[in-house]
C-alpha atoms as a PDB file:
ATOM      1  CA  MET A   1       0.000   0.000   0.000  1.00  0.00           C
ATOM      2  CA  ASN A   2       2.844   2.415   0.790  1.00  0.00           C
ATOM      3  CA  GLU A   3       4.411   1.855  -2.632  1.00  0.00           C
ATOM      4  CA  THR A   4       1.112   2.673  -4.347  1.00  0.00           C
ATOM      5  CA  LYS A   5       0.661   5.820  -2.282  1.00  0.00           C
ATOM      6  CA  ASN A   6       4.236   6.948  -2.899  1.00  0.00           C
ATOM      7  CA  TYR A   7       4.106   6.611  -6.679  1.00  0.00           C
ATOM      8  CA  PHE A   8       0.811   8.523  -6.895  1.00  0.00           C
ATOM      9  CA  THR A   9       2.082  11.250  -4.560  1.00  0.00           C
ATOM     10  CA  GLU A  10       5.306  11.487  -6.559  1.00  0.00           C
ATOM     11  CA  LEU A  11       3.474  12.036  -9.845  1.00  0.00           C
ATOM     12  CA  ALA A  12       0.869  14.337  -8.287  1.00  0.00           C
ATOM     13  CA  SER A  13       3.611  16.616  -6.929  1.00  0.00           C
ATOM     14  CA  ILE A  14       4.904  17.476 -10.429  1.00  0.00           C
ATOM     15  CA  ASP A  15       3.973  21.011 -11.522  1.00  0.00           C
ATOM     16  CA  VAL A  16       2.461  20.724 -14.997  1.00  0.00           C
ATOM     17  CA  GLY A  17       1.476  24.400 -15.277  1.00  0.00           C
ATOM     18  CA  GLU A  18       3.852  25.248 -18.136  1.00  0.00           C
ATOM     19  CA  HIS A  19       2.537  22.347 -20.213  1.00  0.00           C
ATOM     20  CA  VAL A  20      -1.179  23.089 -19.955  1.00  0.00           C
ATOM     21  CA  GLU A  21      -2.969  24.495 -22.993  1.00  0.00           C
ATOM     22  CA  LYS A  22      -6.116  26.569 -22.535  1.00  0.00           C
ATOM     23  CA  LYS A  23      -8.882  26.342 -25.122  1.00  0.00           C
ATOM     24  CA  GLY A  24     -11.743  28.520 -24.040  1.00  0.00           C
ATOM     25  CA  GLU A  25     -12.651  27.566 -20.491  1.00  0.00           C
ATOM     26  CA  PHE A  26     -10.992  24.157 -20.705  1.00  0.00           C
ATOM     27  CA  SER A  27      -7.464  23.019 -19.852  1.00  0.00           C
ATOM     28  CA  TYR A  28      -5.553  20.286 -21.659  1.00  0.00           C
ATOM     29  CA  LEU A  29      -2.261  18.711 -20.637  1.00  0.00           C
ATOM     30  CA  SER A  30       0.224  17.976 -23.420  1.00  0.00           C
ATOM     31  CA  TRP A  31      -0.036  14.201 -23.915  1.00  0.00           C
ATOM     32  CA  SER A  32       3.531  13.850 -25.222  1.00  0.00           C
ATOM     33  CA  TRP A  33       4.955  15.677 -22.205  1.00  0.00           C
ATOM     34  CA  ALA A  34       2.792  13.570 -19.869  1.00  0.00           C
ATOM     35  CA  VAL A  35       4.132  10.370 -21.446  1.00  0.00           C
ATOM     36  CA  ASP A  36       7.687  11.702 -21.209  1.00  0.00           C
ATOM     37  CA  GLN A  37       7.328  12.494 -17.500  1.00  0.00           C
ATOM     38  CA  LEU A  38       5.599   9.190 -16.749  1.00  0.00           C
ATOM     39  CA  LEU A  39       8.318   7.100 -18.409  1.00  0.00           C
ATOM     40  CA  LYS A  40      11.091   9.081 -16.739  1.00  0.00           C
ATOM     41  CA  LYS A  41       9.608   8.206 -13.353  1.00  0.00           C
ATOM     42  CA  HIS A  42       8.257   4.761 -14.264  1.00  0.00           C
ATOM     43  CA  PRO A  43       9.947   3.342 -17.397  1.00  0.00           C
ATOM     44  CA  ASP A  44       7.954   0.107 -17.077  1.00  0.00           C
ATOM     45  CA  ALA A  45       4.612   1.922 -17.365  1.00  0.00           C
ATOM     46  CA  THR A  46       2.416   0.825 -20.276  1.00  0.00           C
ATOM     47  CA  TRP A  47      -0.777   1.965 -21.987  1.00  0.00           C
ATOM     48  CA  GLN A  48      -3.121   0.747 -24.659  1.00  0.00           C
ATOM     49  CA  VAL A  49      -6.037   2.038 -26.667  1.00  0.00           C
ATOM     50  CA  VAL A  50      -9.086  -0.114 -25.978  1.00  0.00           C
ATOM     51  CA  ARG A  51     -10.537  -1.705 -29.114  1.00  0.00           C
ATOM     52  CA  PHE A  52     -14.231  -2.003 -29.795  1.00  0.00           C
ATOM     53  CA  GLY A  53     -14.179  -4.919 -32.194  1.00  0.00           C
ATOM     54  CA  GLU A  54     -11.460  -3.852 -34.620  1.00  0.00           C
ATOM     55  CA  LEU A  55     -12.021  -0.131 -34.104  1.00  0.00           C
ATOM     56  CA  PRO A  56     -10.246   2.214 -31.652  1.00  0.00           C
ATOM     57  CA  TYR A  57     -13.529   4.006 -30.937  1.00  0.00           C
ATOM     58  CA  MET A  58     -17.124   3.249 -30.020  1.00  0.00           C
ATOM     59  CA  LYS A  59     -20.099   4.752 -31.858  1.00  0.00           C
ATOM     60  CA  THR A  60     -23.285   5.300 -29.860  1.00  0.00           C
ATOM     61  CA  GLU A  61     -26.559   7.150 -30.327  1.00  0.00           C
ATOM     62  CA  ILE A  62     -25.187  10.124 -28.401  1.00  0.00           C
ATOM     63  CA  GLY A  63     -21.730  10.298 -29.994  1.00  0.00           C
ATOM     64  CA  TYR A  64     -18.339   8.664 -30.358  1.00  0.00           C
ATOM     65  CA  PHE A  65     -16.113   7.565 -27.476  1.00  0.00           C
ATOM     66  CA  VAL A  66     -12.533   6.353 -27.027  1.00  0.00           C
ATOM     67  CA  GLU A  67     -10.942   4.581 -24.072  1.00  0.00           C
ATOM     68  CA  VAL A  68      -7.325   4.307 -22.935  1.00  0.00           C
ATOM     69  CA  GLU A  69      -5.840   2.134 -20.189  1.00  0.00           C
ATOM     70  CA  VAL A  70      -2.613   3.101 -18.406  1.00  0.00           C
ATOM     71  CA  THR A  71      -0.738   0.701 -16.125  1.00  0.00           C
ATOM     72  CA  VAL A  72       1.769   1.911 -13.520  1.00  0.00           C
ATOM     73  CA  ASN A  73       3.249  -0.332 -10.822  1.00  0.00           C
ATOM     74  CA  GLN A  74       0.930  -3.100 -12.046  1.00  0.00           C
ATOM     75  CA  ILE A  75      -2.091  -0.885 -11.324  1.00  0.00           C
ATOM     76  CA  THR A  76      -4.334  -0.291 -14.351  1.00  0.00           C
ATOM     77  CA  ARG A  77      -6.671   2.667 -14.594  1.00  0.00           C
ATOM     78  CA  SER A  78      -8.808   3.487 -17.622  1.00  0.00           C
ATOM     79  CA  GLN A  79     -10.375   6.667 -18.922  1.00  0.00           C
ATOM     80  CA  ILE A  80     -13.263   7.038 -21.367  1.00  0.00           C
ATOM     81  CA  HIS A  81     -13.323  10.229 -23.410  1.00  0.00           C
ATOM     82  CA  PRO A  82     -15.968  11.507 -25.854  1.00  0.00           C
ATOM     83  CA  VAL A  83     -14.864  12.726 -29.275  1.00  0.00           C
ATOM     84  CA  LEU A  84     -15.401  16.477 -28.992  1.00  0.00           C
ATOM     85  CA  ASP A  85     -14.669  19.603 -31.004  1.00  0.00           C
ATOM     86  CA  ASN A  86     -12.793  22.614 -29.641  1.00  0.00           C
ATOM     87  CA  TYR A  87     -15.997  23.867 -28.032  1.00  0.00           C
ATOM     88  CA  ASN A  88     -16.353  20.556 -26.173  1.00  0.00           C
ATOM     89  CA  LYS A  89     -19.368  19.604 -28.256  1.00  0.00           C
ATOM     90  CA  PRO A  90     -19.850  16.040 -29.594  1.00  0.00           C
ATOM     91  CA  ILE A  91     -18.762  15.601 -33.208  1.00  0.00           C
ATOM     92  CA  VAL A  92     -21.427  13.930 -35.345  1.00  0.00           C
ATOM     93  CA  LYS A  93     -19.033  12.589 -37.986  1.00  0.00           C
ATOM     94  CA  PRO A  94     -15.471  12.743 -36.614  1.00  0.00           C
ATOM     95  CA  THR A  95     -12.464  12.431 -38.895  1.00  0.00           C
ATOM     96  CA  SER A  96      -9.462  10.223 -38.173  1.00  0.00           C
ATOM     97  CA  PHE A  97      -7.626  13.325 -36.923  1.00  0.00           C
ATOM     98  CA  GLN A  98     -10.364  14.164 -34.445  1.00  0.00           C
ATOM     99  CA  ILE A  99     -10.526  10.605 -33.141  1.00  0.00           C
ATOM    100  CA  ASN A 100      -6.742  10.575 -32.803  1.00  0.00           C
ATOM    101  CA  THR A 101      -6.841  13.889 -30.924  1.00  0.00           C
ATOM    102  CA  SER A 102      -9.445  12.477 -28.535  1.00  0.00           C
ATOM    103  CA  ILE A 103      -7.272   9.407 -27.945  1.00  0.00           C
ATOM    104  CA  GLN A 104      -4.333  11.671 -27.081  1.00  0.00           C
ATOM    105  CA  ARG A 105      -6.452  13.693 -24.652  1.00  0.00           C
ATOM    106  CA  CYS A 106      -7.816  10.472 -23.191  1.00  0.00           C
ATOM    107  CA  LEU A 107      -4.259   9.184 -22.703  1.00  0.00           C
ATOM    108  CA  ALA A 108      -3.302  12.352 -20.816  1.00  0.00           C
ATOM    109  CA  LYS A 109      -6.360  11.968 -18.578  1.00  0.00           C
ATOM    110  CA  ALA A 110      -5.671   8.278 -17.968  1.00  0.00           C
ATOM    111  CA  ILE A 111      -2.134   9.195 -16.899  1.00  0.00           C
ATOM    112  CA  ALA A 112      -3.647  11.867 -14.643  1.00  0.00           C
ATOM    113  CA  LEU A 113      -5.572   9.131 -12.821  1.00  0.00           C
ATOM    114  CA  HIS A 114      -2.153   7.991 -11.581  1.00  0.00           C
ATOM    115  CA  GLY A 115      -1.461  11.493 -10.234  1.00  0.00           C
ATOM    116  CA  LEU A 116       0.306  13.473 -12.973  1.00  0.00           C
ATOM    117  CA  GLY A 117      -1.639  16.683 -13.608  1.00  0.00           C
ATOM    118  CA  LEU A 118      -4.811  15.392 -11.966  1.00  0.00           C
ATOM    119  CA  TYR A 119      -5.380  18.752 -10.288  1.00  0.00           C
ATOM    120  CA  ILE A 120      -5.954  20.613 -13.575  1.00  0.00           C
ATOM    121  CA  TYR A 121      -9.101  18.595 -14.158  1.00  0.00           C
ATOM    122  CA  SER A 122     -10.453  19.872 -10.843  1.00  0.00           C
ATOM    123  CA  GLY A 123     -10.424  23.434 -12.177  1.00  0.00           C
ATOM    124  CA  GLU A 124      -7.108  24.411 -10.596  1.00  0.00           C
ATOM    125  CA  ASP A 125      -4.550  26.298 -12.674  1.00  0.00           C
ATOM    126  CA  ILE A 126      -1.456  25.663 -10.585  1.00  0.00           C
ATOM    127  CA  PRO A 127      -0.516  23.677  -7.466  1.00  0.00           C
ATOM    128  CA  GLN A 128      -0.787  25.431  -4.125  1.00  0.00           C
ATOM    129  CA  ASP A 129       2.559  26.742  -2.905  1.00  0.00           C
ATOM    130  CA  ASP A 130       4.027  29.093  -0.353  1.00  0.00           C
ATOM    131  CA  GLU A 131       4.275  32.083  -2.701  1.00  0.00           C
ATOM    132  CA  PRO A 132       0.948  32.534  -4.526  1.00  0.00           C
ATOM    133  CA  LYS A 133       1.573  36.237  -5.132  1.00  0.00           C
ATOM    134  CA  GLN A 134       4.728  35.470  -7.049  1.00  0.00           C
ATOM    135  CA  VAL A 135       2.802  33.051  -9.277  1.00  0.00           C
ATOM    136  CA  GLU A 136       0.141  35.671  -9.986  1.00  0.00           C
ATOM    137  CA  LYS A 137       2.815  38.047 -11.274  1.00  0.00           C
ATOM    138  CA  GLN A 138       4.261  35.557 -13.756  1.00  0.00           C
ATOM    139  CA  PRO A 139       2.262  36.743 -16.807  1.00  0.00           C
ATOM    140  CA  SER A 140       3.594  40.294 -16.415  1.00  0.00           C
ATOM    141  CA  SER A 141       7.178  39.083 -15.985  1.00  0.00           C
ATOM    142  CA  LEU A 142       7.341  37.067 -19.204  1.00  0.00           C
ATOM    143  CA  PRO A 143      10.509  37.646 -21.241  1.00  0.00           C
ATOM    144  CA  HIS A 144      10.044  40.228 -23.964  1.00  0.00           C
ATOM    145  CA  GLN A 145      10.671  37.588 -26.640  1.00  0.00           C
ATOM    146  CA  GLU A 146       7.777  35.470 -25.358  1.00  0.00           C
ATOM    147  CA  GLN A 147       5.478  38.510 -25.261  1.00  0.00           C
ATOM    148  CA  VAL A 148       6.362  39.192 -28.886  1.00  0.00           C
ATOM    149  CA  ARG A 149       5.546  35.575 -29.833  1.00  0.00           C
ATOM    150  CA  GLN A 150       2.081  35.990 -28.361  1.00  0.00           C
ATOM    151  CA  THR A 151       1.253  39.077 -30.441  1.00  0.00           C
ATOM    152  CA  GLU A 152       3.454  38.978 -33.553  1.00  0.00           C
ATOM    153  CA  ILE A 153       1.644  37.820 -36.706  1.00  0.00           C
ATOM    154  CA  ALA A 154       3.174  34.838 -38.500  1.00  0.00           C
ATOM    155  CA  ASN A 155       4.710  35.841 -41.839  1.00  0.00           C
ATOM    156  CA  GLU A 156       3.970  34.355 -45.249  1.00  0.00           C
ATOM    157  CA  GLN A 157       7.000  32.063 -45.086  1.00  0.00           C
ATOM    158  CA  ARG A 158       5.714  30.530 -41.843  1.00  0.00           C
ATOM    159  CA  ILE A 159       2.280  29.932 -43.383  1.00  0.00           C
ATOM    160  CA  LYS A 160       3.902  28.261 -46.403  1.00  0.00           C
ATOM    161  CA  ALA A 161       5.804  25.990 -44.021  1.00  0.00           C
ATOM    162  CA  ILE A 162       2.512  24.993 -42.388  1.00  0.00           C
ATOM    163  CA  HIS A 163       1.002  24.274 -45.802  1.00  0.00           C
ATOM    164  CA  ALA A 164       4.006  22.091 -46.648  1.00  0.00           C
ATOM    165  CA  GLN A 165       3.466  20.100 -43.464  1.00  0.00           C
ATOM    166  CA  ILE A 166      -0.235  19.730 -44.251  1.00  0.00           C
ATOM    167  CA  ARG A 167       0.642  18.445 -47.726  1.00  0.00           C
ATOM    168  CA  GLU A 168       2.906  15.827 -46.152  1.00  0.00           C
ATOM    169  CA  LEU A 169       0.146  14.947 -43.693  1.00  0.00           C
ATOM    170  CA  SER A 170      -2.385  14.553 -46.504  1.00  0.00           C
ATOM    171  CA  GLY A 171      -0.071  12.027 -48.139  1.00  0.00           C
ATOM    172  CA  ALA A 172       0.350  10.086 -44.908  1.00  0.00           C
ATOM    173  CA  TYR A 173      -3.412   9.798 -44.418  1.00  0.00           C
ATOM    174  CA  LYS A 174      -4.224   9.568 -48.146  1.00  0.00           C
ATOM    175  CA  MET A 175      -6.498  12.600 -48.116  1.00  0.00           C
ATOM    176  CA  SER A 176      -6.655  15.609 -50.420  1.00  0.00           C
ATOM    177  CA  PHE A 177      -4.724  18.717 -49.433  1.00  0.00           C
ATOM    178  CA  GLU A 178      -7.861  20.845 -49.040  1.00  0.00           C
ATOM    179  CA  GLU A 179      -9.643  18.202 -46.981  1.00  0.00           C
ATOM    180  CA  THR A 180      -6.594  17.815 -44.748  1.00  0.00           C
ATOM    181  CA  LYS A 181      -6.208  21.576 -44.331  1.00  0.00           C
ATOM    182  CA  THR A 182      -9.879  21.939 -43.392  1.00  0.00           C
ATOM    183  CA  THR A 183      -9.593  19.098 -40.878  1.00  0.00           C
ATOM    184  CA  VAL A 184      -6.468  20.583 -39.288  1.00  0.00           C
ATOM    185  CA  LYS A 185      -8.107  23.996 -38.895  1.00  0.00           C
ATOM    186  CA  ARG A 186     -11.293  22.497 -37.516  1.00  0.00           C
ATOM    187  CA  SER A 187      -9.399  20.280 -35.058  1.00  0.00           C
ATOM    188  CA  LEU A 188      -7.360  23.226 -33.769  1.00  0.00           C
ATOM    189  CA  GLY A 189     -10.232  25.707 -33.721  1.00  0.00           C
ATOM    190  CA  ILE A 190      -8.718  27.990 -36.381  1.00  0.00           C
ATOM    191  CA  GLN A 191     -10.825  29.740 -39.007  1.00  0.00           C
ATOM    192  CA  THR A 192      -7.895  30.704 -41.238  1.00  0.00           C
ATOM    193  CA  PHE A 193      -4.109  30.534 -41.024  1.00  0.00           C
ATOM    194  CA  LYS A 194      -3.837  34.098 -42.288  1.00  0.00           C
ATOM    195  CA  GLY A 195      -3.410  36.428 -39.339  1.00  0.00           C
ATOM    196  CA  ILE A 196      -2.464  33.808 -36.730  1.00  0.00           C
ATOM    197  CA  THR A 197       0.279  34.700 -34.267  1.00  0.00           C
ATOM    198  CA  VAL A 198       3.772  33.220 -34.187  1.00  0.00           C
ATOM    199  CA  GLN A 199       2.808  31.357 -31.019  1.00  0.00           C
ATOM    200  CA  GLN A 200      -0.285  29.882 -32.680  1.00  0.00           C
ATOM    201  CA  ALA A 201       1.747  28.908 -35.745  1.00  0.00           C
ATOM    202  CA  SER A 202       4.249  27.129 -33.517  1.00  0.00           C
ATOM    203  CA  HIS A 203       1.431  25.178 -31.852  1.00  0.00           C
ATOM    204  CA  VAL A 204      -0.036  24.229 -35.243  1.00  0.00           C
ATOM    205  CA  GLN A 205       3.319  22.964 -36.515  1.00  0.00           C
ATOM    206  CA  LYS A 206       4.051  20.963 -33.364  1.00  0.00           C
ATOM    207  CA  THR A 207       0.613  19.362 -33.544  1.00  0.00           C
ATOM    208  CA  ILE A 208       1.054  18.412 -37.204  1.00  0.00           C
ATOM    209  CA  VAL A 209       4.458  16.889 -36.415  1.00  0.00           C
ATOM    210  CA  SER A 210       2.783  14.842 -33.686  1.00  0.00           C
ATOM    211  CA  TRP A 211       0.134  13.603 -36.135  1.00  0.00           C
ATOM    212  CA  LEU A 212       2.822  12.768 -38.707  1.00  0.00           C
ATOM    213  CA  ASN A 213       4.757  10.755 -36.133  1.00  0.00           C
ATOM    214  CA  ASP A 214       1.579   8.876 -35.219  1.00  0.00           C
ATOM    215  CA  ALA A 215       0.903   8.111 -38.881  1.00  0.00           C
ATOM    216  CA  LYS A 216       4.457   6.851 -39.442  1.00  0.00           C
ATOM    217  CA  GLN A 217       4.272   4.683 -36.339  1.00  0.00           C
ATOM    218  CA  LYS A 218       0.993   3.131 -37.510  1.00  0.00           C
ATOM    219  CA  GLN A 219       2.513   2.488 -40.944  1.00  0.00           C
ATOM    220  CA  GLN A 220       5.491   0.736 -39.342  1.00  0.00           C
ATOM    221  CA  GLU A 221       3.198  -1.363 -37.166  1.00  0.00           C
ATOM    222  CA  GLY A 222       1.175  -2.306 -40.231  1.00  0.00           C
ATOM    223  CA  ALA A 223       4.334  -3.301 -42.105  1.00  0.00           C
ATOM    224  CA  GLU A 224       5.337  -5.625 -39.286  1.00  0.00           C
END
């Protein structure tokens, strides 16, 4: 019992604040960072996407759902997550991207059941500490370069780079460029790439890279 308590407490004590993304009123923990932290602390941890027949999702009358199981210290906890859009509304006909995004969010939440970042799903922004006033002042003390990233508009070259990534992504998923571009924008809650900030562009590119890596991994698994 002590070992179980210690591993949960250890993971729950990690401050995830810098790796939380806000979309509207909702907070999301970066799934890749959560996996990285989990494996650094518990390299024998495992997870799997639950299959419903041969499919990684379940279709019901009220929407689509995915489920992920995470095992740490031989303790398995599972999380069920609905396939939602960026407004947290059920998607009637989700694309493969949207299902994959829901699986990633579900994975992060399943890891949270073992302690890592669990507090953000209780509506907290940061862990309690001895210097709350100092934390409140953090936004105003951001480095100038970071402030610029949040307001500077991405240039044409950056947008072309995003389009190049989308073209590569369309090839990986065997979809047309326009269909892929529309899906990417819809999944990330972006109306148009024109006028997005440098910070937003960076997030878009990192997300596309993540999707590309997932596609390549699935292709390798299929080849085996």
